[in-house]
Amino acid sequence: MTEQVQQQDPLDNEVLKFEFTVAQTNAILSIIGSAPYVAAAPLIALVQSQGTPQFEALVKKTEEAPKAE
């Protein structure tokens, strides 16, 4: 959500950090994706903007790792 949400509580705009596996993130996005577009699109964009660089780094790390024989 790049837009500021109307603040209801002093803690509303504080940042929380979560850690999810790729599978868990995909499950969350799937659930959010079933919500109406107006509600889901900003949340999906936020997850993608934060998750894409992390995912790309994981892919690169995996590709560079020595292959077990």
Protein backbone atom coordinates (compact mmCIF):
# COMPACT_ATOMS: atom_id res chain seq x y z
CA MET A 1 0.00 0.00 0.00
CA THR A 2 1.85 3.00 -1.16
CA GLU A 3 -1.01 5.23 -0.09
CA GLN A 4 -1.34 6.27 3.51
CA VAL A 5 -4.27 4.59 5.20
CA GLN A 6 -6.33 6.85 7.42
CA GLN A 7 -4.69 6.45 10.79
CA GLN A 8 -6.95 4.88 13.39
CA ASP A 9 -4.32 4.11 16.01
CA PRO A 10 -0.89 5.62 16.73
CA LEU A 11 0.72 2.31 15.74
CA ASP A 12 -1.06 2.02 12.36
CA ASN A 13 1.88 3.32 10.34
CA GLU A 14 4.60 1.42 12.17
CA VAL A 15 6.40 -1.20 10.08
CA LEU A 16 6.18 -4.89 10.98
CA LYS A 17 8.55 -7.45 9.47
CA PHE A 18 7.45 -10.99 8.66
CA GLU A 19 9.30 -13.94 7.17
CA PHE A 20 7.50 -16.41 4.88
CA THR A 21 8.70 -19.16 2.59
CA VAL A 22 8.12 -18.74 -1.13
CA ALA A 23 5.27 -21.28 -0.88
CA GLN A 24 3.67 -19.43 2.02
CA THR A 25 3.96 -16.12 0.17
CA ASN A 26 2.32 -17.63 -2.91
CA ALA A 27 -0.51 -18.97 -0.74
CA ILE A 28 -1.04 -15.56 0.84
CA LEU A 29 -1.06 -13.89 -2.59
CA SER A 30 -3.55 -16.46 -3.84
CA ILE A 31 -5.91 -15.70 -0.96
CA ILE A 32 -5.49 -11.94 -1.38
CA GLY A 33 -6.05 -12.39 -5.13
CA SER A 34 -9.54 -13.71 -4.52
CA ALA A 35 -10.50 -10.42 -2.85
CA PRO A 36 -12.02 -7.58 -4.90
CA TYR A 37 -9.44 -5.89 -7.13
CA VAL A 38 -9.73 -2.54 -5.36
CA ALA A 39 -8.64 -4.13 -2.08
CA ALA A 40 -6.21 -6.72 -3.44
CA ALA A 41 -4.19 -4.82 -6.05
CA PRO A 42 -2.31 -2.45 -3.70
CA LEU A 43 -1.44 -5.30 -1.31
CA ILE A 44 -0.25 -7.56 -4.12
CA ALA A 45 1.87 -4.74 -5.56
CA LEU A 46 3.42 -4.14 -2.15
CA VAL A 47 4.30 -7.81 -1.67
CA GLN A 48 5.71 -7.98 -5.21
CA SER A 49 7.81 -4.84 -4.77
CA GLN A 50 9.39 -6.22 -1.60
CA GLY A 51 9.50 -9.87 -2.62
CA THR A 52 10.81 -9.70 -6.19
CA PRO A 53 14.37 -8.57 -5.31
CA GLN A 54 14.55 -11.20 -2.57
CA PHE A 55 13.27 -13.94 -4.87
CA GLU A 56 15.70 -12.95 -7.64
CA ALA A 57 18.57 -13.12 -5.13
CA LEU A 58 17.45 -16.61 -4.08
CA VAL A 59 17.33 -17.78 -7.69
CA LYS A 60 20.80 -16.38 -8.37
CA LYS A 61 22.16 -18.01 -5.19
CA THR A 62 20.63 -21.34 -6.20
CA GLU A 63 22.05 -21.13 -9.73
CA GLU A 64 25.53 -20.33 -8.40
CA ALA A 65 25.55 -23.07 -5.76
CA PRO A 66 27.72 -26.08 -6.56
CA LYS A 67 25.66 -28.97 -7.82
CA ALA A 68 25.69 -32.14 -5.71
CA GLU A 69 26.73 -35.18 -7.72
